[in-house]
């Protein structure tokens, strides 16, 4: 079945400010008791992540699984999250291509002509961006215009940035919670969902 994640990405945070911004958001989550203050092994990799706190339900949206068509209560959603092996929050600091891993990619749309170039070789532009070229471009085979890969539209969404918050196996997050994080960061955020 695998593990899923939801990542709130700040695509505008500079590398110089990302660590301080990450600490500010994590401190906010700890103060609100959405996560606990100690890191644990509830996320993959080191140094671990912050497990759900006693007020975690404040961040969670209610939803209806497709398989049953019956809405889940907030109590059921929270209970299921707390039972997961990986259920912590990681702050991801550093130049990162935030994507959905192997959960599929349907569209890579040119920002100029809107043609879908999903099957084309735009991976090289992503590699150049990752290595430090902020303006790494890809030339659209349809309109022949070059645009920075960061301006292309990916569906499901991808994001390029220095700061993200990965919520392991968390269900959908409330819009108001996402807006709070965006407000703390002072930037518009992008939501990425995926599965490993």
N, C-alpha and C. Protein backbone atom coordinates (compact mmCIF):
# COMPACT_ATOMS: atom_id res chain seq x y z
N UNK A 1 0.82 -1.19 0.00
CA UNK A 1 0.00 0.00 0.00
C UNK A 1 0.86 1.25 0.00
N UNK A 2 1.96 1.28 0.74
CA UNK A 2 2.87 2.41 0.72
C UNK A 2 2.48 3.52 1.67
N UNK A 3 3.37 4.48 1.75
CA UNK A 3 3.15 5.65 2.60
C UNK A 3 2.91 6.86 1.72
N UNK A 4 2.04 7.73 2.18
CA UNK A 4 1.73 8.95 1.43
C UNK A 4 2.28 10.16 2.17
N UNK A 5 2.32 11.26 1.47
CA UNK A 5 2.77 12.50 2.09
C UNK A 5 2.06 13.67 1.44
N UNK A 6 1.99 14.75 2.18
CA UNK A 6 1.52 16.05 1.70
C UNK A 6 2.60 17.04 2.06
N UNK A 7 3.00 17.85 1.10
CA UNK A 7 4.08 18.80 1.33
C UNK A 7 3.60 20.21 1.04
N UNK A 8 3.77 21.08 2.02
CA UNK A 8 3.53 22.51 1.83
C UNK A 8 4.86 23.11 1.42
N UNK A 9 4.94 23.68 0.22
CA UNK A 9 6.20 24.20 -0.32
C UNK A 9 6.13 25.72 -0.43
N UNK A 10 7.18 26.37 0.03
CA UNK A 10 7.35 27.81 -0.19
C UNK A 10 8.34 27.96 -1.34
N UNK A 11 7.87 28.26 -2.56
CA UNK A 11 8.78 28.33 -3.70
C UNK A 11 9.61 29.63 -3.75
N UNK A 12 9.33 30.57 -2.85
CA UNK A 12 10.01 31.87 -2.88
C UNK A 12 11.06 32.04 -1.80
N UNK A 13 11.10 31.15 -0.82
CA UNK A 13 12.08 31.28 0.26
C UNK A 13 13.49 31.12 -0.30
N UNK A 14 14.38 32.03 0.05
CA UNK A 14 15.77 31.90 -0.38
C UNK A 14 16.46 30.86 0.50
N UNK A 15 17.56 30.34 0.00
CA UNK A 15 18.32 29.36 0.78
C UNK A 15 18.81 29.97 2.08
N UNK A 16 19.19 31.25 2.04
CA UNK A 16 19.71 31.92 3.23
C UNK A 16 18.66 32.05 4.33
N UNK A 17 17.40 32.22 3.97
CA UNK A 17 16.36 32.43 4.97
C UNK A 17 15.57 31.17 5.30
N UNK A 18 15.77 30.10 4.54
CA UNK A 18 14.92 28.90 4.67
C UNK A 18 14.99 28.26 6.06
N UNK A 19 16.18 28.14 6.63
CA UNK A 19 16.30 27.48 7.94
C UNK A 19 15.54 28.24 9.02
N UNK A 20 15.71 29.56 9.07
CA UNK A 20 15.01 30.36 10.08
C UNK A 20 13.50 30.29 9.87
N UNK A 21 13.06 30.29 8.61
CA UNK A 21 11.63 30.20 8.33
C UNK A 21 11.08 28.83 8.75
N UNK A 22 11.85 27.77 8.50
CA UNK A 22 11.44 26.43 8.92
C UNK A 22 11.28 26.37 10.43
N UNK A 23 12.23 26.93 11.15
CA UNK A 23 12.16 26.92 12.61
C UNK A 23 10.95 27.69 13.11
N UNK A 24 10.62 28.79 12.45
CA UNK A 24 9.46 29.60 12.84
C UNK A 24 8.16 28.80 12.67
N UNK A 25 8.02 28.09 11.56
CA UNK A 25 6.81 27.31 11.33
C UNK A 25 6.73 26.14 12.31
N UNK A 26 7.82 25.42 12.49
CA UNK A 26 7.82 24.29 13.43
C UNK A 26 7.49 24.78 14.84
N UNK A 27 8.05 25.90 15.25
CA UNK A 27 7.75 26.45 16.57
C UNK A 27 6.25 26.76 16.70
N UNK A 28 5.67 27.31 15.64
CA UNK A 28 4.23 27.59 15.63
C UNK A 28 3.43 26.29 15.81
N UNK A 29 3.81 25.25 15.09
CA UNK A 29 3.11 23.96 15.20
C UNK A 29 3.25 23.37 16.60
N UNK A 30 4.41 23.54 17.20
CA UNK A 30 4.64 23.04 18.57
C UNK A 30 3.80 23.85 19.56
N UNK A 31 3.81 25.16 19.44
CA UNK A 31 3.05 26.01 20.35
C UNK A 31 1.55 25.73 20.27
N UNK A 32 1.05 25.44 19.08
CA UNK A 32 -0.38 25.12 18.90
C UNK A 32 -0.68 23.67 19.26
N UNK A 33 0.36 22.89 19.57
CA UNK A 33 0.25 21.47 19.91
C UNK A 33 -0.30 20.64 18.75
N UNK A 34 -0.02 21.10 17.55
CA UNK A 34 -0.35 20.32 16.36
C UNK A 34 0.68 19.22 16.18
N UNK A 35 1.93 19.50 16.57
CA UNK A 35 2.97 18.48 16.65
C UNK A 35 3.60 18.54 18.03
N UNK A 36 4.25 17.45 18.41
CA UNK A 36 4.97 17.39 19.67
C UNK A 36 6.36 18.01 19.49
N UNK A 37 6.97 18.49 20.57
CA UNK A 37 8.25 19.21 20.44
C UNK A 37 9.48 18.34 20.20
N UNK A 38 9.38 17.05 20.45
CA UNK A 38 10.56 16.20 20.28
C UNK A 38 10.50 15.45 18.96
N UNK A 39 11.66 15.33 18.31
CA UNK A 39 11.74 14.56 17.08
C UNK A 39 11.77 13.08 17.41
N UNK A 40 11.15 12.31 16.51
CA UNK A 40 11.14 10.86 16.68
C UNK A 40 11.44 10.22 15.33
N UNK A 41 11.42 8.91 15.30
CA UNK A 41 11.66 8.18 14.05
C UNK A 41 10.36 7.96 13.27
N UNK A 42 9.39 8.85 13.43
CA UNK A 42 8.09 8.71 12.77
C UNK A 42 8.09 9.25 11.34
N UNK A 43 9.28 9.53 10.80
CA UNK A 43 9.44 9.90 9.41
C UNK A 43 10.67 9.17 8.88
N UNK A 44 10.78 8.99 7.58
CA UNK A 44 11.98 8.34 7.05
C UNK A 44 13.18 9.28 7.16
N UNK A 45 14.33 8.71 7.35
CA UNK A 45 15.56 9.51 7.34
C UNK A 45 15.85 10.20 8.65
N UNK A 46 17.02 10.78 8.70
CA UNK A 46 17.48 11.52 9.87
C UNK A 46 17.29 13.00 9.63
N UNK A 47 17.08 13.81 10.60
CA UNK A 47 17.07 13.53 12.04
C UNK A 47 15.71 13.15 12.59
N UNK A 48 14.81 12.70 11.77
CA UNK A 48 13.47 12.35 12.24
C UNK A 48 12.54 13.55 12.13
N UNK A 49 11.28 13.31 12.46
CA UNK A 49 10.29 14.38 12.35
C UNK A 49 9.51 14.55 13.64
N UNK A 50 8.57 15.48 13.57
CA UNK A 50 7.76 15.82 14.74
C UNK A 50 6.43 15.08 14.67
N UNK A 51 6.13 14.22 15.66
CA UNK A 51 4.90 13.44 15.62
C UNK A 51 3.67 14.32 15.91
N UNK A 52 2.48 13.82 15.56
CA UNK A 52 1.26 14.59 15.82
C UNK A 52 1.10 14.89 17.31
N UNK A 53 0.63 16.09 17.58
CA UNK A 53 0.36 16.51 18.96
C UNK A 53 -1.11 16.36 19.31
N UNK A 54 -1.45 16.78 20.51
CA UNK A 54 -2.82 16.58 21.00
C UNK A 54 -3.86 17.41 20.24
N UNK A 55 -3.44 18.49 19.58
CA UNK A 55 -4.37 19.32 18.81
C UNK A 55 -4.24 19.11 17.31
N UNK A 56 -3.75 17.96 16.89
CA UNK A 56 -3.53 17.70 15.47
C UNK A 56 -4.81 17.85 14.65
N UNK A 57 -5.95 17.56 15.24
CA UNK A 57 -7.22 17.63 14.51
C UNK A 57 -7.50 19.04 13.99
N UNK A 58 -6.91 20.08 14.62
CA UNK A 58 -7.10 21.46 14.16
C UNK A 58 -6.57 21.66 12.74
N UNK A 59 -5.64 20.82 12.32
CA UNK A 59 -5.03 20.97 10.99
C UNK A 59 -5.70 20.10 9.94
N UNK A 60 -6.54 19.16 10.34
CA UNK A 60 -7.05 18.15 9.43
C UNK A 60 -8.44 18.47 8.90
N UNK A 61 -8.62 18.22 7.61
CA UNK A 61 -9.94 18.38 6.99
C UNK A 61 -10.68 17.05 7.05
N UNK A 62 -11.99 17.12 7.14
CA UNK A 62 -12.77 15.90 7.03
C UNK A 62 -12.88 15.57 5.55
N UNK A 63 -13.04 14.30 5.25
CA UNK A 63 -13.11 13.88 3.86
C UNK A 63 -13.87 12.57 3.74
N UNK A 64 -14.19 12.23 2.50
CA UNK A 64 -14.96 11.03 2.21
C UNK A 64 -14.13 10.12 1.30
N UNK A 65 -13.75 8.94 1.77
CA UNK A 65 -13.01 8.01 0.91
C UNK A 65 -13.85 7.56 -0.28
N UNK A 66 -13.22 7.48 -1.44
CA UNK A 66 -13.92 7.04 -2.66
C UNK A 66 -14.44 5.62 -2.50
N UNK A 67 -13.70 4.80 -1.75
CA UNK A 67 -14.06 3.38 -1.66
C UNK A 67 -15.39 3.16 -0.94
N UNK A 68 -15.74 4.03 0.00
CA UNK A 68 -16.97 3.82 0.76
C UNK A 68 -18.05 4.85 0.46
N UNK A 69 -17.65 6.06 0.12
CA UNK A 69 -18.61 7.14 -0.09
C UNK A 69 -19.22 7.66 1.20
N UNK A 70 -18.69 7.19 2.34
CA UNK A 70 -19.20 7.60 3.64
C UNK A 70 -18.19 8.56 4.28
N UNK A 71 -18.64 9.76 4.68
CA UNK A 71 -17.72 10.71 5.29
C UNK A 71 -17.11 10.16 6.58
N UNK A 72 -15.83 10.43 6.77
CA UNK A 72 -15.16 10.03 8.01
C UNK A 72 -15.27 11.17 9.02
N UNK A 73 -15.42 10.81 10.27
CA UNK A 73 -15.43 11.83 11.32
C UNK A 73 -13.99 12.25 11.61
N UNK A 74 -13.85 13.41 12.21
CA UNK A 74 -12.53 13.90 12.58
C UNK A 74 -11.86 12.95 13.57
N UNK A 75 -12.65 12.32 14.42
CA UNK A 75 -12.10 11.35 15.38
C UNK A 75 -11.51 10.14 14.65
N UNK A 76 -12.23 9.63 13.63
CA UNK A 76 -11.73 8.50 12.85
C UNK A 76 -10.45 8.87 12.09
N UNK A 77 -10.46 10.06 11.51
CA UNK A 77 -9.30 10.52 10.75
C UNK A 77 -8.07 10.63 11.65
N UNK A 78 -8.26 11.24 12.82
CA UNK A 78 -7.15 11.41 13.77
C UNK A 78 -6.66 10.06 14.27
N UNK A 79 -7.59 9.17 14.59
CA UNK A 79 -7.23 7.83 15.06
C UNK A 79 -6.39 7.09 14.02
N UNK A 80 -6.81 7.15 12.76
CA UNK A 80 -6.07 6.48 11.69
C UNK A 80 -4.66 7.08 11.54
N UNK A 81 -4.53 8.40 11.64
CA UNK A 81 -3.22 9.04 11.54
C UNK A 81 -2.31 8.58 12.66
N UNK A 82 -2.80 8.54 13.88
CA UNK A 82 -1.98 8.18 15.03
C UNK A 82 -1.51 6.72 14.96
N UNK A 83 -2.21 5.88 14.23
CA UNK A 83 -1.83 4.47 14.09
C UNK A 83 -0.75 4.24 13.05
N UNK A 84 -0.49 5.22 12.18
CA UNK A 84 0.50 5.05 11.12
C UNK A 84 1.91 4.98 11.68
N UNK A 85 2.74 4.15 11.07
CA UNK A 85 4.14 4.06 11.48
C UNK A 85 4.89 5.36 11.25
N UNK A 86 4.73 5.93 10.07
CA UNK A 86 5.29 7.25 9.76
C UNK A 86 4.14 8.24 9.78
N UNK A 87 4.16 9.15 10.74
CA UNK A 87 3.10 10.15 10.81
C UNK A 87 3.62 11.50 11.28
N UNK A 88 4.91 11.71 11.17
CA UNK A 88 5.51 12.95 11.62
C UNK A 88 5.59 14.00 10.52
N UNK A 89 6.11 15.16 10.91
CA UNK A 89 6.30 16.29 10.00
C UNK A 89 7.78 16.57 9.90
N UNK A 90 8.28 16.63 8.66
CA UNK A 90 9.68 16.98 8.37
C UNK A 90 9.72 18.38 7.79
N UNK A 91 10.69 19.17 8.22
CA UNK A 91 11.00 20.42 7.53
C UNK A 91 12.11 20.08 6.53
N UNK A 92 11.87 20.37 5.26
CA UNK A 92 12.84 20.10 4.20
C UNK A 92 13.49 21.43 3.83
N UNK A 93 14.78 21.57 4.16
CA UNK A 93 15.51 22.80 3.89
C UNK A 93 16.63 22.49 2.92
N UNK A 94 16.69 23.22 1.83
CA UNK A 94 17.72 23.01 0.82
C UNK A 94 17.08 22.91 -0.55
N UNK A 95 17.86 23.15 -1.56
CA UNK A 95 17.36 23.16 -2.94
C UNK A 95 16.73 21.80 -3.26
N UNK A 96 15.44 21.82 -3.58
CA UNK A 96 14.69 20.58 -3.74
C UNK A 96 13.68 20.71 -4.87
N UNK A 97 13.56 19.64 -5.65
CA UNK A 97 12.45 19.51 -6.59
C UNK A 97 11.39 18.71 -5.84
N UNK A 98 10.32 19.37 -5.44
CA UNK A 98 9.25 18.72 -4.69
C UNK A 98 8.28 18.12 -5.70
N UNK A 99 8.12 16.81 -5.65
CA UNK A 99 7.24 16.13 -6.60
C UNK A 99 6.53 14.99 -5.91
N UNK A 100 5.71 14.28 -6.64
CA UNK A 100 4.86 13.25 -6.06
C UNK A 100 5.46 11.85 -6.11
N UNK A 101 6.75 11.75 -6.36
CA UNK A 101 7.44 10.48 -6.54
C UNK A 101 6.79 9.72 -7.67
N UNK A 102 6.44 8.49 -7.49
CA UNK A 102 5.93 7.68 -8.58
C UNK A 102 4.43 7.72 -8.75
N UNK A 103 3.78 8.76 -8.26
CA UNK A 103 2.31 8.81 -8.31
C UNK A 103 1.77 9.30 -9.64
N UNK A 104 2.62 9.42 -10.64
CA UNK A 104 2.16 9.79 -11.98
C UNK A 104 2.30 11.27 -12.27
N UNK A 105 2.38 11.57 -13.56
CA UNK A 105 2.46 12.95 -14.04
C UNK A 105 1.69 13.00 -15.34
N UNK A 106 0.63 13.78 -15.38
CA UNK A 106 -0.23 13.84 -16.55
C UNK A 106 0.10 15.01 -17.47
N UNK A 107 0.54 16.13 -16.89
CA UNK A 107 0.71 17.34 -17.67
C UNK A 107 2.00 18.06 -17.28
N UNK A 108 2.76 18.49 -18.29
CA UNK A 108 3.86 19.44 -18.14
C UNK A 108 3.58 20.50 -19.21
N UNK A 109 2.90 21.58 -18.78
CA UNK A 109 2.33 22.54 -19.72
C UNK A 109 3.23 23.75 -19.92
N UNK A 110 3.47 24.09 -21.17
CA UNK A 110 4.25 25.27 -21.54
C UNK A 110 3.56 26.52 -21.03
N UNK A 111 4.29 27.43 -20.38
CA UNK A 111 3.66 28.65 -19.88
C UNK A 111 3.31 29.65 -20.99
N UNK A 112 3.82 29.43 -22.20
CA UNK A 112 3.56 30.35 -23.32
C UNK A 112 2.36 29.88 -24.14
N UNK A 113 2.44 28.67 -24.70
CA UNK A 113 1.38 28.20 -25.61
C UNK A 113 0.42 27.21 -24.96
N UNK A 114 0.74 26.79 -23.73
CA UNK A 114 -0.09 25.86 -22.94
C UNK A 114 -0.12 24.44 -23.48
N UNK A 115 0.76 24.11 -24.42
CA UNK A 115 0.83 22.74 -24.95
C UNK A 115 1.38 21.81 -23.88
N UNK A 116 0.82 20.61 -23.81
CA UNK A 116 1.29 19.60 -22.87
C UNK A 116 2.53 18.91 -23.46
N UNK A 117 3.66 19.02 -22.76
CA UNK A 117 4.91 18.41 -23.22
C UNK A 117 5.36 17.32 -22.25
N UNK A 118 4.41 16.64 -21.65
CA UNK A 118 4.71 15.64 -20.63
C UNK A 118 5.68 14.58 -21.14
N UNK A 119 5.58 14.16 -22.35
CA UNK A 119 6.43 13.09 -22.88
C UNK A 119 7.77 13.55 -23.42
N UNK A 120 8.06 14.81 -23.33
CA UNK A 120 9.30 15.36 -23.89
C UNK A 120 10.44 15.31 -22.86
N UNK A 121 11.63 15.67 -23.30
CA UNK A 121 12.83 15.56 -22.46
C UNK A 121 13.12 16.85 -21.69
N UNK A 122 12.24 17.22 -20.76
CA UNK A 122 12.43 18.41 -19.95
C UNK A 122 13.22 18.10 -18.68
N UNK A 123 13.56 16.84 -18.44
CA UNK A 123 14.30 16.44 -17.24
C UNK A 123 15.66 17.10 -17.12
N UNK A 124 16.31 17.38 -18.26
CA UNK A 124 17.61 18.03 -18.23
C UNK A 124 17.51 19.43 -17.61
N UNK A 125 16.44 20.15 -17.93
CA UNK A 125 16.23 21.49 -17.36
C UNK A 125 16.05 21.40 -15.85
N UNK A 126 15.35 20.37 -15.39
CA UNK A 126 15.18 20.18 -13.95
C UNK A 126 16.53 19.91 -13.30
N UNK A 127 17.35 19.08 -13.92
CA UNK A 127 18.69 18.80 -13.40
C UNK A 127 19.54 20.05 -13.30
N UNK A 128 19.47 20.91 -14.31
CA UNK A 128 20.24 22.17 -14.28
C UNK A 128 19.73 23.09 -13.17
N UNK A 129 18.41 23.15 -13.00
CA UNK A 129 17.86 23.96 -11.90
C UNK A 129 18.37 23.43 -10.56
N UNK A 130 18.30 22.11 -10.39
CA UNK A 130 18.72 21.50 -9.13
C UNK A 130 20.18 21.79 -8.82
N UNK A 131 21.01 21.86 -9.84
CA UNK A 131 22.44 22.14 -9.65
C UNK A 131 22.74 23.61 -9.43
N UNK A 132 21.72 24.47 -9.46
CA UNK A 132 21.93 25.86 -9.10
C UNK A 132 21.56 26.90 -10.14
N UNK A 133 21.13 26.48 -11.31
CA UNK A 133 20.77 27.43 -12.36
C UNK A 133 19.30 27.83 -12.18
N UNK A 134 19.06 28.96 -11.51
CA UNK A 134 17.69 29.40 -11.23
C UNK A 134 16.88 29.65 -12.49
N UNK A 135 17.54 29.93 -13.60
CA UNK A 135 16.84 30.24 -14.84
C UNK A 135 16.90 29.09 -15.85
N UNK A 136 17.20 27.88 -15.38
CA UNK A 136 17.26 26.72 -16.28
C UNK A 136 15.98 26.64 -17.10
N UNK A 137 16.14 26.68 -18.41
CA UNK A 137 14.98 26.76 -19.31
C UNK A 137 14.81 25.49 -20.13
N UNK A 138 13.59 25.33 -20.61
CA UNK A 138 13.26 24.26 -21.54
C UNK A 138 12.55 24.90 -22.72
N UNK A 139 12.97 24.52 -23.92
CA UNK A 139 12.37 25.07 -25.14
C UNK A 139 11.20 24.19 -25.55
N UNK A 140 10.04 24.80 -25.65
CA UNK A 140 8.83 24.08 -26.02
C UNK A 140 8.90 23.64 -27.48
N UNK A 141 8.73 22.35 -27.75
CA UNK A 141 8.74 21.88 -29.14
C UNK A 141 7.57 22.43 -29.96
N UNK A 142 6.51 22.88 -29.31
CA UNK A 142 5.35 23.38 -30.02
C UNK A 142 5.51 24.84 -30.47
N UNK A 143 5.79 25.75 -29.53
CA UNK A 143 5.87 27.16 -29.88
C UNK A 143 7.30 27.65 -30.06
N UNK A 144 8.27 26.80 -29.71
CA UNK A 144 9.71 27.09 -29.87
C UNK A 144 10.22 28.15 -28.90
N UNK A 145 9.42 28.52 -27.90
CA UNK A 145 9.84 29.51 -26.89
C UNK A 145 10.50 28.78 -25.73
N UNK A 146 11.56 29.40 -25.18
CA UNK A 146 12.22 28.87 -24.00
C UNK A 146 11.68 29.58 -22.76
N UNK A 147 11.36 28.80 -21.74
CA UNK A 147 10.86 29.35 -20.48
C UNK A 147 11.54 28.62 -19.34
N UNK A 148 11.82 29.34 -18.23
CA UNK A 148 12.38 28.66 -17.06
C UNK A 148 11.49 27.48 -16.65
N UNK A 149 12.11 26.37 -16.31
CA UNK A 149 11.35 25.17 -15.95
C UNK A 149 10.45 25.44 -14.75
N UNK A 150 10.83 26.40 -13.91
CA UNK A 150 10.02 26.74 -12.73
C UNK A 150 8.70 27.40 -13.11
N UNK A 151 8.56 27.86 -14.37
CA UNK A 151 7.32 28.48 -14.82
C UNK A 151 6.39 27.50 -15.51
N UNK A 152 6.87 26.30 -15.82
CA UNK A 152 6.03 25.29 -16.45
C UNK A 152 5.02 24.79 -15.42
N UNK A 153 3.85 24.38 -15.88
CA UNK A 153 2.78 23.92 -15.00
C UNK A 153 2.73 22.39 -15.00
N UNK A 154 2.94 21.81 -13.84
CA UNK A 154 2.93 20.36 -13.67
C UNK A 154 1.60 19.94 -13.04
N UNK A 155 1.05 18.83 -13.52
CA UNK A 155 -0.18 18.29 -12.95
C UNK A 155 -0.06 16.77 -12.91
N UNK A 156 -0.08 16.18 -11.71
CA UNK A 156 -0.17 16.79 -10.41
C UNK A 156 0.98 17.79 -10.17
N UNK A 157 0.74 18.75 -9.25
CA UNK A 157 1.71 19.83 -9.05
C UNK A 157 3.09 19.35 -8.60
N UNK A 158 4.10 20.05 -9.10
CA UNK A 158 5.47 19.96 -8.63
C UNK A 158 5.85 21.38 -8.22
N UNK A 159 6.90 21.50 -7.42
CA UNK A 159 7.39 22.82 -7.02
C UNK A 159 8.90 22.78 -6.90
N UNK A 160 9.51 23.93 -7.07
CA UNK A 160 10.96 24.09 -7.00
C UNK A 160 11.24 25.09 -5.90
N UNK A 161 12.04 24.72 -4.91
CA UNK A 161 12.30 25.66 -3.84
C UNK A 161 13.30 25.16 -2.82
N UNK A 162 13.47 25.97 -1.80
CA UNK A 162 14.43 25.70 -0.72
C UNK A 162 13.77 25.34 0.59
N UNK A 163 12.42 25.30 0.62
CA UNK A 163 11.74 25.06 1.89
C UNK A 163 10.41 24.36 1.66
N UNK A 164 10.22 23.29 2.41
CA UNK A 164 8.94 22.57 2.38
C UNK A 164 8.69 21.89 3.71
N UNK A 165 7.46 21.54 3.95
CA UNK A 165 7.07 20.83 5.18
C UNK A 165 6.30 19.59 4.74
N UNK A 166 6.89 18.44 5.01
CA UNK A 166 6.32 17.17 4.55
C UNK A 166 5.59 16.51 5.71
N UNK A 167 4.30 16.25 5.49
CA UNK A 167 3.41 15.64 6.48
C UNK A 167 3.18 14.19 6.05
N UNK A 168 3.80 13.26 6.76
CA UNK A 168 3.76 11.85 6.38
C UNK A 168 2.46 11.19 6.80
N UNK A 169 1.74 10.67 5.81
CA UNK A 169 0.49 9.93 5.98
C UNK A 169 -0.63 10.77 6.59
N UNK A 170 -0.49 12.09 6.55
CA UNK A 170 -1.57 12.95 7.04
C UNK A 170 -2.67 13.00 5.98
N UNK A 171 -3.92 13.03 6.42
CA UNK A 171 -5.03 13.19 5.47
C UNK A 171 -5.05 14.63 4.96
N UNK A 172 -6.01 14.98 4.11
CA UNK A 172 -6.06 16.36 3.63
C UNK A 172 -6.01 17.38 4.77
N UNK A 173 -5.32 18.48 4.50
CA UNK A 173 -5.17 19.54 5.49
C UNK A 173 -6.23 20.62 5.26
N UNK A 174 -6.69 21.23 6.33
CA UNK A 174 -7.68 22.30 6.21
C UNK A 174 -7.07 23.46 5.44
N UNK A 175 -7.89 24.09 4.63
CA UNK A 175 -7.44 25.28 3.89
C UNK A 175 -6.98 26.37 4.86
N UNK A 176 -7.69 26.54 5.97
CA UNK A 176 -7.31 27.57 6.94
C UNK A 176 -5.94 27.28 7.55
N UNK A 177 -5.62 26.01 7.74
CA UNK A 177 -4.30 25.63 8.26
C UNK A 177 -3.22 25.96 7.24
N UNK A 178 -3.45 25.62 5.98
CA UNK A 178 -2.48 25.93 4.92
C UNK A 178 -2.28 27.44 4.82
N UNK A 179 -3.36 28.19 4.94
CA UNK A 179 -3.26 29.65 4.89
C UNK A 179 -2.48 30.21 6.08
N UNK A 180 -2.62 29.58 7.26
CA UNK A 180 -1.82 30.00 8.42
C UNK A 180 -0.33 29.85 8.13
N UNK A 181 0.05 28.70 7.58
CA UNK A 181 1.45 28.45 7.26
C UNK A 181 1.93 29.46 6.23
N UNK A 182 1.12 29.70 5.22
CA UNK A 182 1.45 30.69 4.20
C UNK A 182 1.66 32.06 4.83
N UNK A 183 0.80 32.43 5.78
CA UNK A 183 0.92 33.72 6.46
C UNK A 183 2.20 33.83 7.27
N UNK A 184 2.58 32.76 7.93
CA UNK A 184 3.83 32.77 8.71
C UNK A 184 5.02 32.95 7.77
N UNK A 185 4.98 32.29 6.63
CA UNK A 185 6.08 32.36 5.66
C UNK A 185 6.10 33.68 4.91
N UNK A 186 4.92 34.29 4.76
CA UNK A 186 4.83 35.53 4.01
C UNK A 186 4.85 35.33 2.50
N UNK A 187 4.60 34.10 2.06
CA UNK A 187 4.60 33.77 0.63
C UNK A 187 3.44 32.85 0.30
N UNK A 188 3.05 32.84 -0.95
CA UNK A 188 2.08 31.87 -1.44
C UNK A 188 2.74 30.49 -1.41
N UNK A 189 2.01 29.47 -1.02
CA UNK A 189 2.57 28.13 -0.94
C UNK A 189 1.92 27.24 -2.00
N UNK A 190 2.59 26.13 -2.27
CA UNK A 190 2.10 25.14 -3.22
C UNK A 190 1.96 23.81 -2.46
N UNK A 191 0.85 23.10 -2.68
CA UNK A 191 0.62 21.80 -2.06
C UNK A 191 1.02 20.69 -3.03
N UNK A 192 1.84 19.78 -2.55
CA UNK A 192 2.26 18.61 -3.32
C UNK A 192 1.79 17.38 -2.55
N UNK A 193 1.22 16.41 -3.25
CA UNK A 193 0.82 15.15 -2.61
C UNK A 193 1.46 14.02 -3.38
N UNK A 194 1.87 13.00 -2.66
CA UNK A 194 2.49 11.86 -3.33
C UNK A 194 2.48 10.62 -2.47
N UNK A 195 3.13 9.59 -3.00
CA UNK A 195 3.14 8.29 -2.35
C UNK A 195 4.45 7.59 -2.69
N UNK A 196 5.00 6.87 -1.72
CA UNK A 196 6.18 6.06 -1.98
C UNK A 196 5.86 4.61 -1.71
